[in-house]
């Protein structure tokens, strides 16, 4: 977003593509800390830019959101594990050739 667009009134300075809920902020911080996902993965998952992910993790954005409780971190861990299992299952299934893809036997 450029300063000239703000000055022309096309965009408000504080306008963002998407606001995150406190729960999403806590999940994002936990997932970033756990190292399961890259910041690019998290930006795609939460619908924000990679720069915003970095600022959230570093406490520059959403500083008012308190750290997650143990129960919230466990729920985020389970959710991340389930998503990883689904992603790996889909990747493995995509690598298995179908019956029609095999060459005919002679």
PDB file of N, CA and C in Angstrom:
ATOM      1  N   UNK A   1       0.856  -1.152   0.000  1.00  0.00           N
ATOM      2  CA  UNK A   1       0.000   0.000   0.000  1.00  0.00           C
ATOM      3  C   UNK A   1       0.906   1.219   0.000  1.00  0.00           C
ATOM      4  N   UNK A   2       0.667   2.141  -0.916  1.00  0.00           N
ATOM      5  CA  UNK A   2       1.531   3.305  -1.020  1.00  0.00           C
ATOM      6  C   UNK A   2       0.936   4.497  -0.284  1.00  0.00           C
ATOM      7  N   UNK A   3       1.807   5.427   0.096  1.00  0.00           N
ATOM      8  CA  UNK A   3       1.373   6.633   0.806  1.00  0.00           C
ATOM      9  C   UNK A   3       0.465   7.471  -0.076  1.00  0.00           C
ATOM     10  N   UNK A   4       0.767   7.532  -1.359  1.00  0.00           N
ATOM     11  CA  UNK A   4      -0.065   8.345  -2.254  1.00  0.00           C
ATOM     12  C   UNK A   4      -1.498   7.826  -2.313  1.00  0.00           C
ATOM     13  N   UNK A   5      -1.684   6.512  -2.260  1.00  0.00           N
ATOM     14  CA  UNK A   5      -3.056   5.964  -2.259  1.00  0.00           C
ATOM     15  C   UNK A   5      -3.778   6.336  -0.979  1.00  0.00           C
ATOM     16  N   UNK A   6      -3.071   6.346   0.143  1.00  0.00           N
ATOM     17  CA  UNK A   6      -3.678   6.737   1.414  1.00  0.00           C
ATOM     18  C   UNK A   6      -4.071   8.208   1.358  1.00  0.00           C
ATOM     19  N   UNK A   7      -3.156   9.059   0.846  1.00  0.00           N
ATOM     20  CA  UNK A   7      -3.426  10.494   0.766  1.00  0.00           C
ATOM     21  C   UNK A   7      -4.602  10.808  -0.164  1.00  0.00           C
ATOM     22  N   UNK A   8      -4.751  10.039  -1.214  1.00  0.00           N
ATOM     23  CA  UNK A   8      -5.883  10.237  -2.136  1.00  0.00           C
ATOM     24  C   UNK A   8      -7.183   9.689  -1.557  1.00  0.00           C
ATOM     25  N   UNK A   9      -7.105   8.977  -0.444  1.00  0.00           N
ATOM     26  CA  UNK A   9      -8.303   8.434   0.168  1.00  0.00           C
ATOM     27  C   UNK A   9      -8.753   7.107  -0.405  1.00  0.00           C
ATOM     28  N   UNK A  10      -7.913   6.470  -1.216  1.00  0.00           N
ATOM     29  CA  UNK A  10      -8.281   5.189  -1.814  1.00  0.00           C
ATOM     30  C   UNK A  10      -8.242   4.060  -0.793  1.00  0.00           C
ATOM     31  N   UNK A  11      -7.338   4.163   0.177  1.00  0.00           N
ATOM     32  CA  UNK A  11      -7.184   3.121   1.175  1.00  0.00           C
ATOM     33  C   UNK A  11      -6.949   3.794   2.519  1.00  0.00           C
ATOM     34  N   UNK A  12      -7.563   3.238   3.533  1.00  0.00           N
ATOM     35  CA  UNK A  12      -7.303   3.739   4.876  1.00  0.00           C
ATOM     36  C   UNK A  12      -5.990   3.171   5.372  1.00  0.00           C
ATOM     37  N   UNK A  13      -5.222   3.960   6.089  1.00  0.00           N
ATOM     38  CA  UNK A  13      -3.900   3.554   6.543  1.00  0.00           C
ATOM     39  C   UNK A  13      -3.938   2.274   7.372  1.00  0.00           C
ATOM     40  N   UNK A  14      -4.950   2.090   8.200  1.00  0.00           N
ATOM     41  CA  UNK A  14      -5.021   0.928   9.079  1.00  0.00           C
ATOM     42  C   UNK A  14      -5.761  -0.254   8.459  1.00  0.00           C
ATOM     43  N   UNK A  15      -6.183  -0.097   7.212  1.00  0.00           N
ATOM     44  CA  UNK A  15      -6.969  -1.153   6.576  1.00  0.00           C
ATOM     45  C   UNK A  15      -6.102  -2.381   6.296  1.00  0.00           C
ATOM     46  N   UNK A  16      -6.624  -3.545   6.615  1.00  0.00           N
ATOM     47  CA  UNK A  16      -5.946  -4.813   6.346  1.00  0.00           C
ATOM     48  C   UNK A  16      -6.889  -5.706   5.555  1.00  0.00           C
ATOM     49  N   UNK A  17      -6.289  -6.661   4.880  1.00  0.00           N
ATOM     50  CA  UNK A  17      -7.095  -7.584   4.085  1.00  0.00           C
ATOM     51  C   UNK A  17      -7.987  -8.440   4.993  1.00  0.00           C
ATOM     52  N   UNK A  18      -7.498  -8.800   6.168  1.00  0.00           N
ATOM     53  CA  UNK A  18      -8.258  -9.685   7.032  1.00  0.00           C
ATOM     54  C   UNK A  18      -7.865  -9.450   8.478  1.00  0.00           C
ATOM     55  N   UNK A  19      -8.839  -9.398   9.343  1.00  0.00           N
ATOM     56  CA  UNK A  19      -8.589  -9.288  10.784  1.00  0.00           C
ATOM     57  C   UNK A  19      -8.594 -10.694  11.361  1.00  0.00           C
ATOM     58  N   UNK A  20      -7.709 -10.942  12.289  1.00  0.00           N
ATOM     59  CA  UNK A  20      -7.640 -12.247  12.931  1.00  0.00           C
ATOM     60  C   UNK A  20      -8.320 -12.190  14.293  1.00  0.00           C
ATOM     61  N   UNK A  21      -8.922 -13.295  14.667  1.00  0.00           N
ATOM     62  CA  UNK A  21      -9.507 -13.399  16.002  1.00  0.00           C
ATOM     63  C   UNK A  21      -8.376 -13.670  16.993  1.00  0.00           C
ATOM     64  N   UNK A  22      -8.600 -13.401  18.277  1.00  0.00           N
ATOM     65  CA  UNK A  22      -7.557 -13.723  19.265  1.00  0.00           C
ATOM     66  C   UNK A  22      -7.139 -15.197  19.229  1.00  0.00           C
ATOM     67  N   UNK A  23      -8.093 -16.096  19.001  1.00  0.00           N
ATOM     68  CA  UNK A  23      -7.764 -17.527  18.917  1.00  0.00           C
ATOM     69  C   UNK A  23      -6.851 -17.809  17.729  1.00  0.00           C
ATOM     70  N   UNK A  24      -7.117 -17.183  16.595  1.00  0.00           N
ATOM     71  CA  UNK A  24      -6.270 -17.380  15.418  1.00  0.00           C
ATOM     72  C   UNK A  24      -4.861 -16.842  15.661  1.00  0.00           C
ATOM     73  N   UNK A  25      -4.762 -15.700  16.344  1.00  0.00           N
ATOM     74  CA  UNK A  25      -3.457 -15.127  16.659  1.00  0.00           C
ATOM     75  C   UNK A  25      -2.665 -16.086  17.556  1.00  0.00           C
ATOM     76  N   UNK A  26      -3.320 -16.631  18.561  1.00  0.00           N
ATOM     77  CA  UNK A  26      -2.653 -17.574  19.451  1.00  0.00           C
ATOM     78  C   UNK A  26      -2.227 -18.831  18.700  1.00  0.00           C
ATOM     79  N   UNK A  27      -3.099 -19.336  17.828  1.00  0.00           N
ATOM     80  CA  UNK A  27      -2.743 -20.516  17.027  1.00  0.00           C
ATOM     81  C   UNK A  27      -1.549 -20.218  16.125  1.00  0.00           C
ATOM     82  N   UNK A  28      -1.579 -19.057  15.476  1.00  0.00           N
ATOM     83  CA  UNK A  28      -0.499 -18.677  14.572  1.00  0.00           C
ATOM     84  C   UNK A  28       0.822 -18.595  15.338  1.00  0.00           C
ATOM     85  N   UNK A  29       0.816 -17.969  16.492  1.00  0.00           N
ATOM     86  CA  UNK A  29       2.045 -17.844  17.279  1.00  0.00           C
ATOM     87  C   UNK A  29       2.557 -19.216  17.715  1.00  0.00           C
ATOM     88  N   UNK A  30       1.641 -20.077  18.127  1.00  0.00           N
ATOM     89  CA  UNK A  30       2.059 -21.419  18.544  1.00  0.00           C
ATOM     90  C   UNK A  30       2.671 -22.178  17.367  1.00  0.00           C
ATOM     91  N   UNK A  31       1.997 -22.158  16.208  1.00  0.00           N
ATOM     92  CA  UNK A  31       2.480 -22.902  15.047  1.00  0.00           C
ATOM     93  C   UNK A  31       3.824 -22.364  14.569  1.00  0.00           C
ATOM     94  N   UNK A  32       4.000 -21.051  14.652  1.00  0.00           N
ATOM     95  CA  UNK A  32       5.285 -20.469  14.258  1.00  0.00           C
ATOM     96  C   UNK A  32       6.381 -20.902  15.228  1.00  0.00           C
ATOM     97  N   UNK A  33       6.079 -20.915  16.512  1.00  0.00           N
ATOM     98  CA  UNK A  33       7.040 -21.326  17.531  1.00  0.00           C
ATOM     99  C   UNK A  33       7.399 -22.805  17.396  1.00  0.00           C
ATOM    100  N   UNK A  34       6.406 -23.612  17.058  1.00  0.00           N
ATOM    101  CA  UNK A  34       6.632 -25.056  16.953  1.00  0.00           C
ATOM    102  C   UNK A  34       7.502 -25.415  15.758  1.00  0.00           C
ATOM    103  N   UNK A  35       7.575 -24.544  14.762  1.00  0.00           N
ATOM    104  CA  UNK A  35       8.407 -24.807  13.597  1.00  0.00           C
ATOM    105  C   UNK A  35       7.806 -25.786  12.609  1.00  0.00           C
ATOM    106  N   UNK A  36       6.528 -26.097  12.764  1.00  0.00           N
ATOM    107  CA  UNK A  36       5.862 -27.039  11.867  1.00  0.00           C
ATOM    108  C   UNK A  36       5.645 -26.439  10.485  1.00  0.00           C
ATOM    109  N   UNK A  37       5.338 -25.148  10.453  1.00  0.00           N
ATOM    110  CA  UNK A  37       5.032 -24.460   9.202  1.00  0.00           C
ATOM    111  C   UNK A  37       5.968 -23.281   9.014  1.00  0.00           C
ATOM    112  N   UNK A  38       6.232 -22.937   7.762  1.00  0.00           N
ATOM    113  CA  UNK A  38       7.001 -21.731   7.467  1.00  0.00           C
ATOM    114  C   UNK A  38       6.070 -20.529   7.560  1.00  0.00           C
ATOM    115  N   UNK A  39       6.644 -19.332   7.575  1.00  0.00           N
ATOM    116  CA  UNK A  39       5.804 -18.133   7.609  1.00  0.00           C
ATOM    117  C   UNK A  39       4.975 -18.025   6.338  1.00  0.00           C
ATOM    118  N   UNK A  40       5.494 -18.493   5.226  1.00  0.00           N
ATOM    119  CA  UNK A  40       4.722 -18.485   3.988  1.00  0.00           C
ATOM    120  C   UNK A  40       3.515 -19.418   4.092  1.00  0.00           C
ATOM    121  N   UNK A  41       3.724 -20.603   4.698  1.00  0.00           N
ATOM    122  CA  UNK A  41       2.611 -21.533   4.909  1.00  0.00           C
ATOM    123  C   UNK A  41       1.545 -20.901   5.801  1.00  0.00           C
ATOM    124  N   UNK A  42       1.999 -20.256   6.870  1.00  0.00           N
ATOM    125  CA  UNK A  42       1.054 -19.634   7.801  1.00  0.00           C
ATOM    126  C   UNK A  42       0.321 -18.469   7.147  1.00  0.00           C
ATOM    127  N   UNK A  43       1.011 -17.717   6.297  1.00  0.00           N
ATOM    128  CA  UNK A  43       0.345 -16.598   5.637  1.00  0.00           C
ATOM    129  C   UNK A  43      -0.765 -17.106   4.717  1.00  0.00           C
ATOM    130  N   UNK A  44      -0.519 -18.198   4.010  1.00  0.00           N
ATOM    131  CA  UNK A  44      -1.547 -18.772   3.145  1.00  0.00           C
ATOM    132  C   UNK A  44      -2.692 -19.346   3.977  1.00  0.00           C
ATOM    133  N   UNK A  45      -2.353 -19.980   5.068  1.00  0.00           N
ATOM    134  CA  UNK A  45      -3.367 -20.614   5.914  1.00  0.00           C
ATOM    135  C   UNK A  45      -4.305 -19.589   6.556  1.00  0.00           C
ATOM    136  N   UNK A  46      -3.754 -18.451   7.009  1.00  0.00           N
ATOM    137  CA  UNK A  46      -4.559 -17.457   7.704  1.00  0.00           C
ATOM    138  C   UNK A  46      -5.016 -16.312   6.807  1.00  0.00           C
ATOM    139  N   UNK A  47      -4.607 -16.302   5.549  1.00  0.00           N
ATOM    140  CA  UNK A  47      -5.066 -15.284   4.610  1.00  0.00           C
ATOM    141  C   UNK A  47      -4.481 -13.899   4.842  1.00  0.00           C
ATOM    142  N   UNK A  48      -3.235 -13.852   5.290  1.00  0.00           N
ATOM    143  CA  UNK A  48      -2.543 -12.585   5.518  1.00  0.00           C
ATOM    144  C   UNK A  48      -1.181 -12.663   4.850  1.00  0.00           C
ATOM    145  N   UNK A  49      -0.464 -11.532   4.809  1.00  0.00           N
ATOM    146  CA  UNK A  49       0.849 -11.534   4.165  1.00  0.00           C
ATOM    147  C   UNK A  49       1.900 -12.148   5.084  1.00  0.00           C
ATOM    148  N   UNK A  50       3.020 -12.531   4.483  1.00  0.00           N
ATOM    149  CA  UNK A  50       4.118 -13.095   5.261  1.00  0.00           C
ATOM    150  C   UNK A  50       4.679 -12.058   6.217  1.00  0.00           C
ATOM    151  N   UNK A  51       4.699 -10.798   5.800  1.00  0.00           N
ATOM    152  CA  UNK A  51       5.178  -9.729   6.665  1.00  0.00           C
ATOM    153  C   UNK A  51       4.317  -9.560   7.906  1.00  0.00           C
ATOM    154  N   UNK A  52       3.000  -9.694   7.727  1.00  0.00           N
ATOM    155  CA  UNK A  52       2.104  -9.612   8.877  1.00  0.00           C
ATOM    156  C   UNK A  52       2.334 -10.787   9.831  1.00  0.00           C
ATOM    157  N   UNK A  53       2.580 -11.965   9.280  1.00  0.00           N
ATOM    158  CA  UNK A  53       2.875 -13.131  10.126  1.00  0.00           C
ATOM    159  C   UNK A  53       4.101 -12.828  10.975  1.00  0.00           C
ATOM    160  N   UNK A  54       5.135 -12.285  10.353  1.00  0.00           N
ATOM    161  CA  UNK A  54       6.361 -11.964  11.073  1.00  0.00           C
ATOM    162  C   UNK A  54       6.096 -10.952  12.182  1.00  0.00           C
ATOM    163  N   UNK A  55       5.330  -9.909  11.888  1.00  0.00           N
ATOM    164  CA  UNK A  55       5.045  -8.882  12.895  1.00  0.00           C
ATOM    165  C   UNK A  55       4.171  -9.426  14.024  1.00  0.00           C
ATOM    166  N   UNK A  56       3.272 -10.361  13.720  1.00  0.00           N
ATOM    167  CA  UNK A  56       2.438 -10.968  14.767  1.00  0.00           C
ATOM    168  C   UNK A  56       3.307 -11.830  15.682  1.00  0.00           C
ATOM    169  N   UNK A  57       4.173 -12.634  15.084  1.00  0.00           N
ATOM    170  CA  UNK A  57       5.039 -13.525  15.862  1.00  0.00           C
ATOM    171  C   UNK A  57       5.983 -12.712  16.751  1.00  0.00           C
ATOM    172  N   UNK A  58       6.479 -11.596  16.242  1.00  0.00           N
ATOM    173  CA  UNK A  58       7.400 -10.754  17.005  1.00  0.00           C
ATOM    174  C   UNK A  58       6.698  -9.824  17.985  1.00  0.00           C
ATOM    175  N   UNK A  59       5.376  -9.836  18.003  1.00  0.00           N
ATOM    176  CA  UNK A  59       4.628  -9.029  18.966  1.00  0.00           C
ATOM    177  C   UNK A  59       4.383  -7.597  18.537  1.00  0.00           C
ATOM    178  N   UNK A  60       4.677  -7.249  17.295  1.00  0.00           N
ATOM    179  CA  UNK A  60       4.436  -5.894  16.811  1.00  0.00           C
ATOM    180  C   UNK A  60       2.966  -5.678  16.486  1.00  0.00           C
ATOM    181  N   UNK A  61       2.281  -6.719  16.063  1.00  0.00           N
ATOM    182  CA  UNK A  61       0.841  -6.667  15.797  1.00  0.00           C
ATOM    183  C   UNK A  61       0.139  -7.572  16.798  1.00  0.00           C
ATOM    184  N   UNK A  62      -1.073  -7.193  17.160  1.00  0.00           N
ATOM    185  CA  UNK A  62      -1.893  -7.971  18.093  1.00  0.00           C
ATOM    186  C   UNK A  62      -1.165  -8.179  19.430  1.00  0.00           C
ATOM    187  N   UNK A  63      -0.460  -7.145  19.878  1.00  0.00           N
ATOM    188  CA  UNK A  63       0.268  -7.243  21.147  1.00  0.00           C
ATOM    189  C   UNK A  63      -0.690  -7.404  22.324  1.00  0.00           C
ATOM    190  N   UNK A  64      -1.933  -6.983  22.147  1.00  0.00           N
ATOM    191  CA  UNK A  64      -2.920  -7.069  23.223  1.00  0.00           C
ATOM    192  C   UNK A  64      -3.434  -8.489  23.456  1.00  0.00           C
ATOM    193  N   UNK A  65      -3.165  -9.391  22.521  1.00  0.00           N
ATOM    194  CA  UNK A  65      -3.654 -10.773  22.649  1.00  0.00           C
ATOM    195  C   UNK A  65      -2.740 -11.528  23.608  1.00  0.00           C
ATOM    196  N   UNK A  66      -3.305 -12.088  24.683  1.00  0.00           N
ATOM    197  CA  UNK A  66      -2.476 -12.797  25.662  1.00  0.00           C
ATOM    198  C   UNK A  66      -1.957 -14.121  25.102  1.00  0.00           C
ATOM    199  N   UNK A  67      -0.906 -14.667  25.703  1.00  0.00           N
ATOM    200  CA  UNK A  67      -0.407 -15.975  25.253  1.00  0.00           C
ATOM    201  C   UNK A  67      -1.475 -17.057  25.431  1.00  0.00           C
ATOM    202  N   UNK A  68      -1.357 -18.085  24.647  1.00  0.00           N
ATOM    203  CA  UNK A  68      -2.321 -19.179  24.706  1.00  0.00           C
ATOM    204  C   UNK A  68      -2.144 -19.976  25.991  1.00  0.00           C
ATOM    205  N   UNK A  69      -3.236 -20.533  26.468  1.00  0.00           N
ATOM    206  CA  UNK A  69      -3.182 -21.420  27.634  1.00  0.00           C
ATOM    207  C   UNK A  69      -2.683 -22.791  27.180  1.00  0.00           C
ATOM    208  N   UNK A  70      -2.378 -23.653  28.135  1.00  0.00           N
ATOM    209  CA  UNK A  70      -1.914 -25.013  27.807  1.00  0.00           C
ATOM    210  C   UNK A  70      -2.960 -25.758  26.980  1.00  0.00           C
ATOM    211  N   UNK A  71      -4.240 -25.598  27.341  1.00  0.00           N
ATOM    212  CA  UNK A  71      -5.312 -26.290  26.616  1.00  0.00           C
ATOM    213  C   UNK A  71      -5.403 -25.783  25.179  1.00  0.00           C
ATOM    214  N   UNK A  72      -5.251 -24.467  24.987  1.00  0.00           N
ATOM    215  CA  UNK A  72      -5.313 -23.906  23.639  1.00  0.00           C
ATOM    216  C   UNK A  72      -4.130 -24.385  22.806  1.00  0.00           C
ATOM    217  N   UNK A  73      -2.954 -24.473  23.428  1.00  0.00           N
ATOM    218  CA  UNK A  73      -1.791 -24.967  22.700  1.00  0.00           C
ATOM    219  C   UNK A  73      -1.950 -26.434  22.331  1.00  0.00           C
ATOM    220  N   UNK A  74      -2.542 -27.226  23.221  1.00  0.00           N
ATOM    221  CA  UNK A  74      -2.785 -28.637  22.906  1.00  0.00           C
ATOM    222  C   UNK A  74      -3.762 -28.767  21.745  1.00  0.00           C
ATOM    223  N   UNK A  75      -4.807 -27.934  21.726  1.00  0.00           N
ATOM    224  CA  UNK A  75      -5.775 -27.971  20.625  1.00  0.00           C
ATOM    225  C   UNK A  75      -5.109 -27.562  19.313  1.00  0.00           C
ATOM    226  N   UNK A  76      -4.256 -26.548  19.356  1.00  0.00           N
ATOM    227  CA  UNK A  76      -3.544 -26.121  18.145  1.00  0.00           C
ATOM    228  C   UNK A  76      -2.591 -27.204  17.665  1.00  0.00           C
ATOM    229  N   UNK A  77      -1.918 -27.884  18.610  1.00  0.00           N
ATOM    230  CA  UNK A  77      -1.007 -28.974  18.258  1.00  0.00           C
ATOM    231  C   UNK A  77      -1.754 -30.116  17.579  1.00  0.00           C
ATOM    232  N   UNK A  78      -2.921 -30.485  18.126  1.00  0.00           N
ATOM    233  CA  UNK A  78      -3.728 -31.563  17.554  1.00  0.00           C
ATOM    234  C   UNK A  78      -4.217 -31.185  16.156  1.00  0.00           C
ATOM    235  N   UNK A  79      -4.666 -29.941  16.018  1.00  0.00           N
ATOM    236  CA  UNK A  79      -5.152 -29.474  14.716  1.00  0.00           C
ATOM    237  C   UNK A  79      -4.028 -29.503  13.676  1.00  0.00           C
ATOM    238  N   UNK A  80      -2.835 -29.044  14.061  1.00  0.00           N
ATOM    239  CA  UNK A  80      -1.692 -29.051  13.140  1.00  0.00           C
ATOM    240  C   UNK A  80      -1.300 -30.473  12.770  1.00  0.00           C
ATOM    241  N   UNK A  81      -1.312 -31.372  13.763  1.00  0.00           N
ATOM    242  CA  UNK A  81      -0.971 -32.779  13.488  1.00  0.00           C
ATOM    243  C   UNK A  81      -1.973 -33.397  12.525  1.00  0.00           C
ATOM    244  N   UNK A  82      -3.266 -33.147  12.728  1.00  0.00           N
ATOM    245  CA  UNK A  82      -4.296 -33.692  11.848  1.00  0.00           C
ATOM    246  C   UNK A  82      -4.150 -33.159  10.426  1.00  0.00           C
ATOM    247  N   UNK A  83      -3.833 -31.862  10.303  1.00  0.00           N
ATOM    248  CA  UNK A  83      -3.643 -31.290   8.971  1.00  0.00           C
ATOM    249  C   UNK A  83      -2.424 -31.894   8.288  1.00  0.00           C
ATOM    250  N   UNK A  84      -1.350 -32.118   9.057  1.00  0.00           N
ATOM    251  CA  UNK A  84      -0.151 -32.723   8.489  1.00  0.00           C
ATOM    252  C   UNK A  84      -0.457 -34.135   8.004  1.00  0.00           C
ATOM    253  N   UNK A  85      -1.209 -34.900   8.783  1.00  0.00           N
ATOM    254  CA  UNK A  85      -1.569 -36.275   8.398  1.00  0.00           C
ATOM    255  C   UNK A  85      -2.392 -36.259   7.113  1.00  0.00           C
ATOM    256  N   UNK A  86      -3.367 -35.364   7.028  1.00  0.00           N
ATOM    257  CA  UNK A  86      -4.182 -35.271   5.812  1.00  0.00           C
ATOM    258  C   UNK A  86      -3.337 -34.899   4.609  1.00  0.00           C
ATOM    259  N   UNK A  87      -2.402 -33.943   4.782  1.00  0.00           N
ATOM    260  CA  UNK A  87      -1.550 -33.503   3.680  1.00  0.00           C
ATOM    261  C   UNK A  87      -0.638 -34.628   3.221  1.00  0.00           C
ATOM    262  N   UNK A  88      -0.042 -35.367   4.167  1.00  0.00           N
ATOM    263  CA  UNK A  88       0.835 -36.481   3.815  1.00  0.00           C
ATOM    264  C   UNK A  88       0.060 -37.625   3.151  1.00  0.00           C
ATOM    265  N   UNK A  89      -1.141 -37.891   3.641  1.00  0.00           N
ATOM    266  CA  UNK A  89      -1.975 -38.934   3.045  1.00  0.00           C
ATOM    267  C   UNK A  89      -2.300 -38.578   1.595  1.00  0.00           C
ATOM    268  N   UNK A  90      -2.684 -37.330   1.370  1.00  0.00           N
ATOM    269  CA  UNK A  90      -3.009 -36.893   0.005  1.00  0.00           C
ATOM    270  C   UNK A  90      -1.780 -36.986  -0.896  1.00  0.00           C
ATOM    271  N   UNK A  91      -0.600 -36.614  -0.370  1.00  0.00           N
ATOM    272  CA  UNK A  91       0.630 -36.686  -1.157  1.00  0.00           C
ATOM    273  C   UNK A  91       0.964 -38.131  -1.507  1.00  0.00           C
ATOM    274  N   UNK A  92       0.813 -39.033  -0.540  1.00  0.00           N
ATOM    275  CA  UNK A  92       1.112 -40.440  -0.787  1.00  0.00           C
ATOM    276  C   UNK A  92       0.124 -41.052  -1.773  1.00  0.00           C
ATOM    277  N   UNK A  93      -1.144 -40.726  -1.629  1.00  0.00           N
ATOM    278  CA  UNK A  93      -2.152 -41.274  -2.541  1.00  0.00           C
ATOM    279  C   UNK A  93      -1.938 -40.768  -3.965  1.00  0.00           C
ATOM    280  N   UNK A  94      -1.467 -39.542  -4.096  1.00  0.00           N
ATOM    281  CA  UNK A  94      -1.212 -38.996  -5.427  1.00  0.00           C
ATOM    282  C   UNK A  94      -0.037 -39.689  -6.101  1.00  0.00           C
ATOM    283  N   UNK A  95       0.863 -40.267  -5.315  1.00  0.00           N
ATOM    284  CA  UNK A  95       2.031 -40.922  -5.899  1.00  0.00           C
ATOM    285  C   UNK A  95       1.767 -42.372  -6.305  1.00  0.00           C
ATOM    286  N   UNK A  96       0.637 -42.932  -5.906  1.00  0.00           N
ATOM    287  CA  UNK A  96       0.304 -44.315  -6.255  1.00  0.00           C
ATOM    288  C   UNK A  96      -0.315 -44.337  -7.651  1.00  0.00           C
ATOM    289  N   UNK A  97       0.266 -45.103  -8.574  1.00  0.00           N
ATOM    290  CA  UNK A  97      -0.301 -45.145  -9.926  1.00  0.00           C
ATOM    291  C   UNK A  97      -1.651 -45.873  -9.933  1.00  0.00           C
ATOM    292  N   UNK A  98      -2.512 -45.406 -10.784  1.00  0.00           N
ATOM    293  CA  UNK A  98      -3.814 -46.048 -10.952  1.00  0.00           C
ATOM    294  C   UNK A  98      -3.672 -47.272 -11.845  1.00  0.00           C
ATOM    295  N   UNK A  99      -4.664 -48.157 -11.819  1.00  0.00           N
ATOM    296  CA  UNK A  99      -4.637 -49.370 -12.655  1.00  0.00           C
ATOM    297  C   UNK A  99      -4.460 -49.014 -14.122  1.00  0.00           C
ATOM    298  N   UNK A 100      -5.127 -47.965 -14.572  1.00  0.00           N
ATOM    299  CA  UNK A 100      -5.084 -47.595 -15.995  1.00  0.00           C
ATOM    300  C   UNK A 100      -3.725 -47.028 -16.388  1.00  0.00           C
ATOM    301  N   UNK A 101      -2.947 -46.558 -15.449  1.00  0.00           N
ATOM    302  CA  UNK A 101      -1.657 -45.944 -15.752  1.00  0.00           C
ATOM    303  C   UNK A 101      -0.548 -46.980 -15.925  1.00  0.00           C
ATOM    304  N   UNK A 102      -0.787 -48.229 -15.510  1.00  0.00           N
ATOM    305  CA  UNK A 102       0.239 -49.244 -15.617  1.00  0.00           C
ATOM    306  C   UNK A 102       0.333 -49.774 -17.041  1.00  0.00           C
ATOM    307  N   UNK A 103       1.551 -50.092 -17.466  1.00  0.00           N
ATOM    308  CA  UNK A 103       1.678 -50.664 -18.812  1.00  0.00           C
ATOM    309  C   UNK A 103       1.069 -52.064 -18.869  1.00  0.00           C
ATOM    310  N   UNK A 104       0.525 -52.446 -19.981  1.00  0.00           N
ATOM    311  CA  UNK A 104      -0.085 -53.776 -20.094  1.00  0.00           C
ATOM    312  C   UNK A 104       0.943 -54.884 -19.941  1.00  0.00           C
ATOM    313  N   UNK A 105       0.544 -55.988 -19.313  1.00  0.00           N
ATOM    314  CA  UNK A 105       1.438 -57.133 -19.129  1.00  0.00           C
ATOM    315  C   UNK A 105       1.422 -57.997 -20.385  1.00  0.00           C
ATOM    316  N   UNK A 106       2.537 -58.600 -20.655  1.00  0.00           N
ATOM    317  CA  UNK A 106       2.610 -59.460 -21.827  1.00  0.00           C
ATOM    318  C   UNK A 106       2.972 -60.847 -21.469  1.00  0.00           C
TER     319      UNK A 106
END
